[in-house]
């Protein structure tokens, strides 16, 4: 089994109790439950439902139509 890095997190008592209860209800260790949460929420891919929605409204106006008549964009100030 490959070596797995360890991460320390600090939770308030109420949040820790909720995590413990949720992990138990899911039949997982707290570590596995938190890892699954991270995998689900730190995904770099669009959700399946979002990908399926692409192109579902062929009559939706294009960007030029939406912005038509608005004039030029306001110059932006640099960040930082």
PDB file of N, CA and C in Angstrom:
ATOM      1  N   UNK A   1       0.847  -1.179   0.000  1.00  0.00           N
ATOM      2  CA  UNK A   1       0.000   0.000   0.000  1.00  0.00           C
ATOM      3  C   UNK A   1       0.894   1.244   0.000  1.00  0.00           C
ATOM      4  N   UNK A   2       0.605   2.202  -0.903  1.00  0.00           N
ATOM      5  CA  UNK A   2       1.455   3.396  -0.966  1.00  0.00           C
ATOM      6  C   UNK A   2       1.314   4.243   0.292  1.00  0.00           C
ATOM      7  N   UNK A   3       2.399   4.913   0.620  1.00  0.00           N
ATOM      8  CA  UNK A   3       2.388   5.796   1.783  1.00  0.00           C
ATOM      9  C   UNK A   3       1.455   6.956   1.506  1.00  0.00           C
ATOM     10  N   UNK A   4       0.617   7.267   2.471  1.00  0.00           N
ATOM     11  CA  UNK A   4      -0.348   8.346   2.302  1.00  0.00           C
ATOM     12  C   UNK A   4       0.038   9.510   3.202  1.00  0.00           C
ATOM     13  N   UNK A   5       0.093  10.720   2.650  1.00  0.00           N
ATOM     14  CA  UNK A   5       0.414  11.878   3.478  1.00  0.00           C
ATOM     15  C   UNK A   5      -0.654  12.093   4.542  1.00  0.00           C
ATOM     16  N   UNK A   6      -0.251  12.644   5.654  1.00  0.00           N
ATOM     17  CA  UNK A   6      -1.190  12.963   6.720  1.00  0.00           C
ATOM     18  C   UNK A   6      -1.411  14.467   6.748  1.00  0.00           C
ATOM     19  N   UNK A   7      -2.647  14.847   7.039  1.00  0.00           N
ATOM     20  CA  UNK A   7      -3.024  16.247   7.123  1.00  0.00           C
ATOM     21  C   UNK A   7      -3.718  16.458   8.458  1.00  0.00           C
ATOM     22  N   UNK A   8      -3.380  17.513   9.140  1.00  0.00           N
ATOM     23  CA  UNK A   8      -4.042  17.849  10.401  1.00  0.00           C
ATOM     24  C   UNK A   8      -5.018  18.974  10.142  1.00  0.00           C
ATOM     25  N   UNK A   9      -6.261  18.787  10.592  1.00  0.00           N
ATOM     26  CA  UNK A   9      -7.244  19.855  10.487  1.00  0.00           C
ATOM     27  C   UNK A   9      -7.775  20.159  11.883  1.00  0.00           C
ATOM     28  N   UNK A  10      -8.199  21.378  12.077  1.00  0.00           N
ATOM     29  CA  UNK A  10      -8.752  21.801  13.360  1.00  0.00           C
ATOM     30  C   UNK A  10     -10.214  22.144  13.157  1.00  0.00           C
ATOM     31  N   UNK A  11     -11.077  21.509  13.940  1.00  0.00           N
ATOM     32  CA  UNK A  11     -12.516  21.726  13.848  1.00  0.00           C
ATOM     33  C   UNK A  11     -13.061  22.116  15.211  1.00  0.00           C
ATOM     34  N   UNK A  12     -14.092  22.953  15.206  1.00  0.00           N
ATOM     35  CA  UNK A  12     -14.766  23.232  16.469  1.00  0.00           C
ATOM     36  C   UNK A  12     -15.530  21.969  16.871  1.00  0.00           C
ATOM     37  N   UNK A  13     -15.935  21.887  18.123  1.00  0.00           N
ATOM     38  CA  UNK A  13     -16.559  20.674  18.658  1.00  0.00           C
ATOM     39  C   UNK A  13     -17.823  20.286  17.889  1.00  0.00           C
ATOM     40  N   UNK A  14     -18.648  21.258  17.543  1.00  0.00           N
ATOM     41  CA  UNK A  14     -19.895  20.961  16.839  1.00  0.00           C
ATOM     42  C   UNK A  14     -19.622  20.371  15.452  1.00  0.00           C
ATOM     43  N   UNK A  15     -18.690  20.952  14.723  1.00  0.00           N
ATOM     44  CA  UNK A  15     -18.352  20.463  13.384  1.00  0.00           C
ATOM     45  C   UNK A  15     -17.726  19.080  13.464  1.00  0.00           C
ATOM     46  N   UNK A  16     -16.856  18.867  14.445  1.00  0.00           N
ATOM     47  CA  UNK A  16     -16.224  17.555  14.617  1.00  0.00           C
ATOM     48  C   UNK A  16     -17.272  16.487  14.910  1.00  0.00           C
ATOM     49  N   UNK A  17     -18.264  16.824  15.738  1.00  0.00           N
ATOM     50  CA  UNK A  17     -19.322  15.867  16.062  1.00  0.00           C
ATOM     51  C   UNK A  17     -20.149  15.537  14.819  1.00  0.00           C
ATOM     52  N   UNK A  18     -20.429  16.557  14.003  1.00  0.00           N
ATOM     53  CA  UNK A  18     -21.184  16.328  12.769  1.00  0.00           C
ATOM     54  C   UNK A  18     -20.399  15.435  11.807  1.00  0.00           C
ATOM     55  N   UNK A  19     -19.101  15.680  11.684  1.00  0.00           N
ATOM     56  CA  UNK A  19     -18.259  14.871  10.808  1.00  0.00           C
ATOM     57  C   UNK A  19     -18.225  13.424  11.286  1.00  0.00           C
ATOM     58  N   UNK A  20     -18.071  13.242  12.581  1.00  0.00           N
ATOM     59  CA  UNK A  20     -18.012  11.891  13.153  1.00  0.00           C
ATOM     60  C   UNK A  20     -19.321  11.149  12.903  1.00  0.00           C
ATOM     61  N   UNK A  21     -20.437  11.830  13.123  1.00  0.00           N
ATOM     62  CA  UNK A  21     -21.752  11.225  12.926  1.00  0.00           C
ATOM     63  C   UNK A  21     -21.989  10.884  11.454  1.00  0.00           C
ATOM     64  N   UNK A  22     -21.634  11.795  10.554  1.00  0.00           N
ATOM     65  CA  UNK A  22     -21.834  11.570   9.123  1.00  0.00           C
ATOM     66  C   UNK A  22     -20.964  10.419   8.633  1.00  0.00           C
ATOM     67  N   UNK A  23     -19.723  10.358   9.105  1.00  0.00           N
ATOM     68  CA  UNK A  23     -18.829   9.273   8.706  1.00  0.00           C
ATOM     69  C   UNK A  23     -19.378   7.930   9.173  1.00  0.00           C
ATOM     70  N   UNK A  24     -19.855   7.903  10.402  1.00  0.00           N
ATOM     71  CA  UNK A  24     -20.412   6.663  10.950  1.00  0.00           C
ATOM     72  C   UNK A  24     -21.637   6.235  10.140  1.00  0.00           C
ATOM     73  N   UNK A  25     -22.515   7.188   9.820  1.00  0.00           N
ATOM     74  CA  UNK A  25     -23.720   6.877   9.048  1.00  0.00           C
ATOM     75  C   UNK A  25     -23.367   6.358   7.653  1.00  0.00           C
ATOM     76  N   UNK A  26     -22.263   6.837   7.098  1.00  0.00           N
ATOM     77  CA  UNK A  26     -21.824   6.395   5.770  1.00  0.00           C
ATOM     78  C   UNK A  26     -21.027   5.102   5.842  1.00  0.00           C
ATOM     79  N   UNK A  27     -20.724   4.646   7.046  1.00  0.00           N
ATOM     80  CA  UNK A  27     -19.942   3.422   7.195  1.00  0.00           C
ATOM     81  C   UNK A  27     -18.480   3.601   6.849  1.00  0.00           C
ATOM     82  N   UNK A  28     -17.974   4.821   7.052  1.00  0.00           N
ATOM     83  CA  UNK A  28     -16.591   5.136   6.718  1.00  0.00           C
ATOM     84  C   UNK A  28     -15.853   5.662   7.935  1.00  0.00           C
ATOM     85  N   UNK A  29     -14.541   5.547   7.891  1.00  0.00           N
ATOM     86  CA  UNK A  29     -13.744   6.218   8.911  1.00  0.00           C
ATOM     87  C   UNK A  29     -13.857   7.713   8.664  1.00  0.00           C
ATOM     88  N   UNK A  30     -13.555   8.503   9.672  1.00  0.00           N
ATOM     89  CA  UNK A  30     -13.602   9.952   9.487  1.00  0.00           C
ATOM     90  C   UNK A  30     -12.613  10.387   8.401  1.00  0.00           C
ATOM     91  N   UNK A  31     -11.456   9.769   8.400  1.00  0.00           N
ATOM     92  CA  UNK A  31     -10.445  10.100   7.410  1.00  0.00           C
ATOM     93  C   UNK A  31     -10.951   9.825   5.997  1.00  0.00           C
ATOM     94  N   UNK A  32     -11.541   8.645   5.784  1.00  0.00           N
ATOM     95  CA  UNK A  32     -12.060   8.285   4.469  1.00  0.00           C
ATOM     96  C   UNK A  32     -13.219   9.198   4.085  1.00  0.00           C
ATOM     97  N   UNK A  33     -14.096   9.515   5.043  1.00  0.00           N
ATOM     98  CA  UNK A  33     -15.245  10.374   4.768  1.00  0.00           C
ATOM     99  C   UNK A  33     -14.789  11.769   4.321  1.00  0.00           C
ATOM    100  N   UNK A  34     -13.804  12.332   5.023  1.00  0.00           N
ATOM    101  CA  UNK A  34     -13.279  13.653   4.666  1.00  0.00           C
ATOM    102  C   UNK A  34     -12.584  13.597   3.303  1.00  0.00           C
ATOM    103  N   UNK A  35     -11.830  12.521   3.045  1.00  0.00           N
ATOM    104  CA  UNK A  35     -11.160  12.379   1.747  1.00  0.00           C
ATOM    105  C   UNK A  35     -12.180  12.342   0.615  1.00  0.00           C
ATOM    106  N   UNK A  36     -13.290  11.637   0.814  1.00  0.00           N
ATOM    107  CA  UNK A  36     -14.341  11.573  -0.206  1.00  0.00           C
ATOM    108  C   UNK A  36     -14.957  12.949  -0.434  1.00  0.00           C
ATOM    109  N   UNK A  37     -15.171  13.702   0.640  1.00  0.00           N
ATOM    110  CA  UNK A  37     -15.696  15.063   0.517  1.00  0.00           C
ATOM    111  C   UNK A  37     -14.770  15.930  -0.329  1.00  0.00           C
ATOM    112  N   UNK A  38     -13.492  15.822  -0.069  1.00  0.00           N
ATOM    113  CA  UNK A  38     -12.501  16.610  -0.818  1.00  0.00           C
ATOM    114  C   UNK A  38     -12.507  16.200  -2.283  1.00  0.00           C
ATOM    115  N   UNK A  39     -12.530  14.888  -2.551  1.00  0.00           N
ATOM    116  CA  UNK A  39     -12.542  14.422  -3.944  1.00  0.00           C
ATOM    117  C   UNK A  39     -13.750  14.963  -4.697  1.00  0.00           C
ATOM    118  N   UNK A  40     -14.912  14.925  -4.044  1.00  0.00           N
ATOM    119  CA  UNK A  40     -16.134  15.403  -4.695  1.00  0.00           C
ATOM    120  C   UNK A  40     -16.116  16.911  -4.922  1.00  0.00           C
ATOM    121  N   UNK A  41     -15.614  17.661  -3.952  1.00  0.00           N
ATOM    122  CA  UNK A  41     -15.720  19.115  -3.996  1.00  0.00           C
ATOM    123  C   UNK A  41     -14.518  19.828  -4.586  1.00  0.00           C
ATOM    124  N   UNK A  42     -13.447  19.115  -4.815  1.00  0.00           N
ATOM    125  CA  UNK A  42     -12.257  19.740  -5.386  1.00  0.00           C
ATOM    126  C   UNK A  42     -12.020  19.240  -6.814  1.00  0.00           C
ATOM    127  N   UNK A  43     -13.076  18.750  -7.433  1.00  0.00           N
ATOM    128  CA  UNK A  43     -12.971  18.226  -8.793  1.00  0.00           C
ATOM    129  C   UNK A  43     -12.633  19.332  -9.772  1.00  0.00           C
ATOM    130  N   UNK A  44     -11.865  19.002 -10.776  1.00  0.00           N
ATOM    131  CA  UNK A  44     -11.519  19.975 -11.803  1.00  0.00           C
ATOM    132  C   UNK A  44     -12.349  19.758 -13.067  1.00  0.00           C
ATOM    133  N   UNK A  45     -13.324  18.852 -12.989  1.00  0.00           N
ATOM    134  CA  UNK A  45     -14.188  18.577 -14.135  1.00  0.00           C
ATOM    135  C   UNK A  45     -15.596  19.066 -13.842  1.00  0.00           C
ATOM    136  N   UNK A  46     -16.317  19.398 -14.899  1.00  0.00           N
ATOM    137  CA  UNK A  46     -17.712  19.773 -14.751  1.00  0.00           C
ATOM    138  C   UNK A  46     -18.519  18.534 -14.377  1.00  0.00           C
ATOM    139  N   UNK A  47     -19.553  18.729 -13.591  1.00  0.00           N
ATOM    140  CA  UNK A  47     -20.445  17.634 -13.227  1.00  0.00           C
ATOM    141  C   UNK A  47     -21.125  17.094 -14.485  1.00  0.00           C
ATOM    142  N   UNK A  48     -21.507  15.840 -14.473  1.00  0.00           N
ATOM    143  CA  UNK A  48     -22.144  15.197 -15.619  1.00  0.00           C
ATOM    144  C   UNK A  48     -23.380  15.969 -16.071  1.00  0.00           C
ATOM    145  N   UNK A  49     -24.201  16.399 -15.130  1.00  0.00           N
ATOM    146  CA  UNK A  49     -25.422  17.132 -15.487  1.00  0.00           C
ATOM    147  C   UNK A  49     -25.093  18.428 -16.218  1.00  0.00           C
ATOM    148  N   UNK A  50     -24.024  19.076 -15.836  1.00  0.00           N
ATOM    149  CA  UNK A  50     -23.624  20.322 -16.496  1.00  0.00           C
ATOM    150  C   UNK A  50     -23.120  20.021 -17.900  1.00  0.00           C
ATOM    151  N   UNK A  51     -22.297  18.981 -18.037  1.00  0.00           N
ATOM    152  CA  UNK A  51     -21.790  18.620 -19.362  1.00  0.00           C
ATOM    153  C   UNK A  51     -22.926  18.241 -20.308  1.00  0.00           C
ATOM    154  N   UNK A  52     -23.936  17.540 -19.785  1.00  0.00           N
ATOM    155  CA  UNK A  52     -25.080  17.148 -20.631  1.00  0.00           C
ATOM    156  C   UNK A  52     -25.894  18.368 -21.068  1.00  0.00           C
ATOM    157  N   UNK A  53     -25.874  19.418 -20.274  1.00  0.00           N
ATOM    158  CA  UNK A  53     -26.659  20.614 -20.594  1.00  0.00           C
ATOM    159  C   UNK A  53     -26.029  21.433 -21.720  1.00  0.00           C
ATOM    160  N   UNK A  54     -24.771  21.221 -21.990  1.00  0.00           N
ATOM    161  CA  UNK A  54     -24.094  21.990 -23.040  1.00  0.00           C
ATOM    162  C   UNK A  54     -24.798  21.798 -24.369  1.00  0.00           C
ATOM    163  N   UNK A  55     -25.179  22.898 -24.987  1.00  0.00           N
ATOM    164  CA  UNK A  55     -25.832  22.861 -26.281  1.00  0.00           C
ATOM    165  C   UNK A  55     -27.302  22.497 -26.244  1.00  0.00           C
ATOM    166  N   UNK A  56     -27.894  22.411 -25.057  1.00  0.00           N
ATOM    167  CA  UNK A  56     -29.295  21.999 -24.962  1.00  0.00           C
ATOM    168  C   UNK A  56     -30.266  23.107 -25.361  1.00  0.00           C
ATOM    169  N   UNK A  57     -29.789  24.321 -25.520  1.00  0.00           N
ATOM    170  CA  UNK A  57     -30.658  25.441 -25.904  1.00  0.00           C
ATOM    171  C   UNK A  57     -30.108  26.085 -27.171  1.00  0.00           C
ATOM    172  N   UNK A  58     -30.305  25.446 -28.319  1.00  0.00           N
ATOM    173  CA  UNK A  58     -29.695  25.955 -29.547  1.00  0.00           C
ATOM    174  C   UNK A  58     -30.183  27.349 -29.947  1.00  0.00           C
ATOM    175  N   UNK A  59     -31.356  27.762 -29.451  1.00  0.00           N
ATOM    176  CA  UNK A  59     -31.863  29.084 -29.823  1.00  0.00           C
ATOM    177  C   UNK A  59     -31.451  30.165 -28.823  1.00  0.00           C
ATOM    178  N   UNK A  60     -30.600  29.817 -27.858  1.00  0.00           N
ATOM    179  CA  UNK A  60     -30.129  30.810 -26.897  1.00  0.00           C
ATOM    180  C   UNK A  60     -29.233  31.803 -27.629  1.00  0.00           C
ATOM    181  N   UNK A  61     -29.415  33.091 -27.376  1.00  0.00           N
ATOM    182  CA  UNK A  61     -28.627  34.091 -28.116  1.00  0.00           C
ATOM    183  C   UNK A  61     -27.128  33.970 -27.850  1.00  0.00           C
ATOM    184  N   UNK A  62     -26.341  34.290 -28.876  1.00  0.00           N
ATOM    185  CA  UNK A  62     -24.891  34.260 -28.696  1.00  0.00           C
ATOM    186  C   UNK A  62     -24.450  35.533 -27.966  1.00  0.00           C
ATOM    187  N   UNK A  63     -23.189  35.573 -27.573  1.00  0.00           N
ATOM    188  CA  UNK A  63     -22.668  36.674 -26.761  1.00  0.00           C
ATOM    189  C   UNK A  63     -22.787  38.017 -27.471  1.00  0.00           C
ATOM    190  N   UNK A  64     -22.593  38.025 -28.783  1.00  0.00           N
ATOM    191  CA  UNK A  64     -22.700  39.285 -29.530  1.00  0.00           C
ATOM    192  C   UNK A  64     -24.120  39.838 -29.447  1.00  0.00           C
ATOM    193  N   UNK A  65     -25.108  38.963 -29.547  1.00  0.00           N
ATOM    194  CA  UNK A  65     -26.501  39.398 -29.444  1.00  0.00           C
ATOM    195  C   UNK A  65     -26.823  39.916 -28.048  1.00  0.00           C
ATOM    196  N   UNK A  66     -26.303  39.247 -27.049  1.00  0.00           N
ATOM    197  CA  UNK A  66     -26.573  39.657 -25.667  1.00  0.00           C
ATOM    198  C   UNK A  66     -25.958  41.013 -25.347  1.00  0.00           C
ATOM    199  N   UNK A  67     -24.763  41.251 -25.883  1.00  0.00           N
ATOM    200  CA  UNK A  67     -24.058  42.498 -25.578  1.00  0.00           C
ATOM    201  C   UNK A  67     -24.302  43.597 -26.610  1.00  0.00           C
ATOM    202  N   UNK A  68     -25.001  43.295 -27.668  1.00  0.00           N
ATOM    203  CA  UNK A  68     -25.229  44.258 -28.736  1.00  0.00           C
ATOM    204  C   UNK A  68     -25.835  45.555 -28.222  1.00  0.00           C
ATOM    205  N   UNK A  69     -25.307  46.668 -28.688  1.00  0.00           N
ATOM    206  CA  UNK A  69     -25.841  47.966 -28.311  1.00  0.00           C
ATOM    207  C   UNK A  69     -25.379  48.486 -26.969  1.00  0.00           C
ATOM    208  N   UNK A  70     -24.544  47.756 -26.278  1.00  0.00           N
ATOM    209  CA  UNK A  70     -24.080  48.214 -24.964  1.00  0.00           C
ATOM    210  C   UNK A  70     -22.897  49.166 -25.061  1.00  0.00           C
ATOM    211  N   UNK A  71     -22.258  49.209 -26.196  1.00  0.00           N
ATOM    212  CA  UNK A  71     -21.096  50.071 -26.341  1.00  0.00           C
ATOM    213  C   UNK A  71     -19.847  49.388 -25.811  1.00  0.00           C
ATOM    214  N   UNK A  72     -18.719  50.104 -25.879  1.00  0.00           N
ATOM    215  CA  UNK A  72     -17.465  49.487 -25.431  1.00  0.00           C
ATOM    216  C   UNK A  72     -17.454  49.272 -23.916  1.00  0.00           C
ATOM    217  N   UNK A  73     -16.700  48.279 -23.521  1.00  0.00           N
ATOM    218  CA  UNK A  73     -16.556  47.965 -22.100  1.00  0.00           C
ATOM    219  C   UNK A  73     -15.767  49.074 -21.409  1.00  0.00           C
ATOM    220  N   UNK A  74     -16.004  49.241 -20.120  1.00  0.00           N
ATOM    221  CA  UNK A  74     -15.276  50.233 -19.329  1.00  0.00           C
ATOM    222  C   UNK A  74     -13.858  49.743 -19.082  1.00  0.00           C
ATOM    223  N   UNK A  75     -12.881  50.632 -19.225  1.00  0.00           N
ATOM    224  CA  UNK A  75     -11.506  50.199 -18.926  1.00  0.00           C
ATOM    225  C   UNK A  75     -11.390  49.697 -17.483  1.00  0.00           C
ATOM    226  N   UNK A  76     -10.633  48.668 -17.292  1.00  0.00           N
ATOM    227  CA  UNK A  76     -10.478  48.048 -15.970  1.00  0.00           C
ATOM    228  C   UNK A  76      -9.242  48.587 -15.269  1.00  0.00           C
ATOM    229  N   UNK A  77      -9.336  48.671 -13.965  1.00  0.00           N
ATOM    230  CA  UNK A  77      -8.166  49.041 -13.174  1.00  0.00           C
ATOM    231  C   UNK A  77      -7.371  47.778 -12.898  1.00  0.00           C
ATOM    232  N   UNK A  78      -6.056  47.867 -12.900  1.00  0.00           N
ATOM    233  CA  UNK A  78      -5.260  46.674 -12.612  1.00  0.00           C
ATOM    234  C   UNK A  78      -5.456  46.222 -11.157  1.00  0.00           C
ATOM    235  N   UNK A  79      -5.452  44.928 -10.958  1.00  0.00           N
ATOM    236  CA  UNK A  79      -5.517  44.388  -9.604  1.00  0.00           C
ATOM    237  C   UNK A  79      -4.133  44.387  -8.998  1.00  0.00           C
ATOM    238  N   UNK A  80      -4.056  44.757  -7.746  1.00  0.00           N
ATOM    239  CA  UNK A  80      -2.770  44.693  -7.048  1.00  0.00           C
ATOM    240  C   UNK A  80      -1.977  45.876  -7.212  1.00  0.00           C
TER     241      UNK A  80
END
